[in-house]
């Protein structure tokens, strides 16, 4: 996937394992972890929005 531009959160320190995101040539959303950059997860924009919405609705572990 040399055609994509990977973005990493500005909240991720350099020495940490972080997630990166990119848009594939076909419009899919690509995710990878900095510890394993050769392993990619691909999803649609809609599916990623649904995942983020679900995670945001979950109670924070410290609040239990």
N, C-alpha and C. Protein backbone atom coordinates (compact mmCIF):
# COMPACT_ATOMS: atom_id res chain seq x y z
N UNK A 1 0.82 -1.19 0.00
CA UNK A 1 0.00 0.00 0.00
C UNK A 1 0.86 1.25 0.00
N UNK A 2 1.70 1.38 -0.95
CA UNK A 2 2.57 2.54 -1.04
C UNK A 2 1.81 3.77 -1.53
N UNK A 3 0.59 3.59 -2.06
CA UNK A 3 -0.17 4.69 -2.64
C UNK A 3 -0.90 5.53 -1.59
N UNK A 4 -0.93 5.09 -0.35
CA UNK A 4 -1.73 5.78 0.66
C UNK A 4 -0.86 6.64 1.56
N UNK A 5 -1.48 7.65 2.15
CA UNK A 5 -0.80 8.52 3.10
C UNK A 5 -1.35 8.21 4.49
N UNK A 6 -0.49 7.70 5.35
CA UNK A 6 -0.90 7.30 6.69
C UNK A 6 -0.89 8.51 7.61
N UNK A 7 -1.90 8.58 8.48
CA UNK A 7 -2.00 9.65 9.47
C UNK A 7 -2.01 9.03 10.86
N UNK A 8 -1.28 9.67 11.76
CA UNK A 8 -1.22 9.21 13.15
C UNK A 8 -1.71 10.35 14.04
N UNK A 9 -2.39 10.02 15.10
CA UNK A 9 -2.90 11.03 16.02
C UNK A 9 -1.78 11.86 16.60
N UNK A 10 -2.05 13.14 16.77
CA UNK A 10 -1.07 14.02 17.41
C UNK A 10 -0.96 13.73 18.91
N UNK A 11 -1.87 12.93 19.45
CA UNK A 11 -1.86 12.55 20.86
C UNK A 11 -0.99 11.32 21.11
N UNK A 12 -0.38 10.80 20.10
CA UNK A 12 0.41 9.58 20.21
C UNK A 12 1.90 9.93 20.35
N UNK A 13 2.49 9.62 21.49
CA UNK A 13 3.93 9.87 21.65
C UNK A 13 4.74 9.02 20.67
N UNK A 14 5.90 9.47 20.31
CA UNK A 14 6.74 8.77 19.32
C UNK A 14 7.08 7.34 19.72
N UNK A 15 7.33 7.08 20.98
CA UNK A 15 7.77 5.75 21.40
C UNK A 15 6.61 4.79 21.67
N UNK A 16 5.37 5.22 21.45
CA UNK A 16 4.22 4.39 21.77
C UNK A 16 3.72 3.60 20.57
N UNK A 17 3.00 2.54 20.87
CA UNK A 17 2.30 1.79 19.83
C UNK A 17 1.03 2.57 19.52
N UNK A 18 0.88 3.01 18.29
CA UNK A 18 -0.24 3.87 17.91
C UNK A 18 -0.94 3.31 16.68
N UNK A 19 -2.19 3.70 16.52
CA UNK A 19 -2.94 3.35 15.34
C UNK A 19 -2.74 4.43 14.29
N UNK A 20 -2.66 4.01 13.04
CA UNK A 20 -2.60 4.94 11.92
C UNK A 20 -3.78 4.66 11.02
N UNK A 21 -4.24 5.67 10.33
CA UNK A 21 -5.40 5.54 9.44
C UNK A 21 -5.06 6.13 8.08
N UNK A 22 -5.64 5.55 7.05
CA UNK A 22 -5.45 6.05 5.68
C UNK A 22 -6.69 5.70 4.87
N UNK A 23 -6.85 6.37 3.75
CA UNK A 23 -7.92 6.04 2.81
C UNK A 23 -7.29 5.31 1.64
N UNK A 24 -7.81 4.12 1.35
CA UNK A 24 -7.30 3.34 0.24
C UNK A 24 -7.75 3.90 -1.10
N UNK A 25 -7.12 3.46 -2.18
CA UNK A 25 -7.46 3.95 -3.52
C UNK A 25 -8.93 3.72 -3.89
N UNK A 26 -9.55 2.70 -3.29
CA UNK A 26 -10.95 2.40 -3.59
C UNK A 26 -11.92 3.04 -2.60
N UNK A 27 -11.42 3.89 -1.68
CA UNK A 27 -12.28 4.58 -0.72
C UNK A 27 -12.43 3.87 0.60
N UNK A 28 -11.85 2.68 0.74
CA UNK A 28 -11.93 1.99 2.02
C UNK A 28 -11.04 2.69 3.04
N UNK A 29 -11.37 2.50 4.30
CA UNK A 29 -10.57 3.04 5.39
C UNK A 29 -9.61 1.94 5.83
N UNK A 30 -8.34 2.28 5.92
CA UNK A 30 -7.30 1.33 6.32
C UNK A 30 -6.77 1.71 7.69
N UNK A 31 -6.60 0.72 8.55
CA UNK A 31 -6.06 0.92 9.89
C UNK A 31 -4.87 0.01 10.07
N UNK A 32 -3.87 0.50 10.78
CA UNK A 32 -2.72 -0.34 11.12
C UNK A 32 -2.15 0.13 12.45
N UNK A 33 -1.46 -0.77 13.12
CA UNK A 33 -0.80 -0.46 14.37
C UNK A 33 0.69 -0.26 14.09
N UNK A 34 1.30 0.69 14.76
CA UNK A 34 2.71 0.98 14.49
C UNK A 34 3.62 -0.20 14.82
N UNK A 35 3.20 -1.07 15.75
CA UNK A 35 4.00 -2.25 16.09
C UNK A 35 3.96 -3.32 14.99
N UNK A 36 2.91 -3.31 14.17
CA UNK A 36 2.76 -4.30 13.10
C UNK A 36 2.27 -3.61 11.83
N UNK A 37 3.09 -2.77 11.22
CA UNK A 37 2.63 -1.97 10.07
C UNK A 37 2.26 -2.79 8.84
N UNK A 38 2.67 -4.03 8.79
CA UNK A 38 2.33 -4.88 7.64
C UNK A 38 0.95 -5.51 7.76
N UNK A 39 0.34 -5.43 8.93
CA UNK A 39 -0.99 -6.00 9.15
C UNK A 39 -2.01 -4.87 9.03
N UNK A 40 -2.92 -5.00 8.07
CA UNK A 40 -3.91 -3.96 7.81
C UNK A 40 -5.31 -4.46 8.09
N UNK A 41 -6.13 -3.57 8.60
CA UNK A 41 -7.55 -3.81 8.75
C UNK A 41 -8.24 -2.84 7.81
N UNK A 42 -9.14 -3.33 6.97
CA UNK A 42 -9.85 -2.43 6.07
C UNK A 42 -11.34 -2.49 6.39
N UNK A 43 -11.99 -1.34 6.24
CA UNK A 43 -13.41 -1.22 6.53
C UNK A 43 -13.99 -0.10 5.68
N UNK A 44 -15.29 0.00 5.69
CA UNK A 44 -15.93 1.11 4.96
C UNK A 44 -16.05 2.31 5.90
N UNK A 45 -16.18 3.50 5.34
CA UNK A 45 -16.38 4.67 6.20
C UNK A 45 -17.60 4.51 7.11
N UNK A 46 -18.68 3.95 6.59
CA UNK A 46 -19.89 3.76 7.40
C UNK A 46 -19.63 2.81 8.57
N UNK A 47 -18.97 1.71 8.32
CA UNK A 47 -18.70 0.75 9.39
C UNK A 47 -17.79 1.35 10.46
N UNK A 48 -16.82 2.15 10.07
CA UNK A 48 -15.94 2.80 11.04
C UNK A 48 -16.73 3.81 11.87
N UNK A 49 -17.62 4.58 11.23
CA UNK A 49 -18.47 5.52 11.99
C UNK A 49 -19.32 4.79 13.01
N UNK A 50 -19.87 3.64 12.62
CA UNK A 50 -20.70 2.85 13.54
C UNK A 50 -19.88 2.33 14.72
N UNK A 51 -18.67 1.86 14.46
CA UNK A 51 -17.79 1.38 15.53
C UNK A 51 -17.47 2.51 16.50
N UNK A 52 -17.11 3.68 15.99
CA UNK A 52 -16.76 4.81 16.85
C UNK A 52 -17.98 5.24 17.67
N UNK A 53 -19.15 5.28 17.06
CA UNK A 53 -20.37 5.65 17.78
C UNK A 53 -20.68 4.65 18.90
N UNK A 54 -20.48 3.37 18.64
CA UNK A 54 -20.72 2.34 19.64
C UNK A 54 -19.75 2.46 20.80
N UNK A 55 -18.48 2.66 20.50
CA UNK A 55 -17.47 2.78 21.55
C UNK A 55 -17.73 4.02 22.40
N UNK A 56 -18.13 5.09 21.79
CA UNK A 56 -18.42 6.33 22.54
C UNK A 56 -19.59 6.14 23.50
N UNK A 57 -20.53 5.28 23.18
CA UNK A 57 -21.70 5.05 24.03
C UNK A 57 -21.40 4.11 25.20
N UNK A 58 -20.30 3.41 25.14
CA UNK A 58 -19.95 2.45 26.19
C UNK A 58 -19.49 3.21 27.43
N UNK A 59 -19.87 2.71 28.62
CA UNK A 59 -19.41 3.37 29.85
C UNK A 59 -17.91 3.20 30.01
N UNK A 60 -17.28 4.23 30.50
CA UNK A 60 -15.84 4.19 30.75
C UNK A 60 -15.57 3.23 31.91
N UNK A 61 -14.54 2.36 31.82
CA UNK A 61 -14.27 1.38 32.89
C UNK A 61 -14.12 2.02 34.27
N UNK A 62 -13.58 3.21 34.36
CA UNK A 62 -13.39 3.87 35.66
C UNK A 62 -14.72 4.31 36.27
N UNK A 63 -15.76 4.43 35.45
CA UNK A 63 -17.05 4.88 35.93
C UNK A 63 -17.90 3.75 36.49
N UNK A 64 -17.45 2.53 36.37
CA UNK A 64 -18.25 1.38 36.83
C UNK A 64 -18.16 1.21 38.31
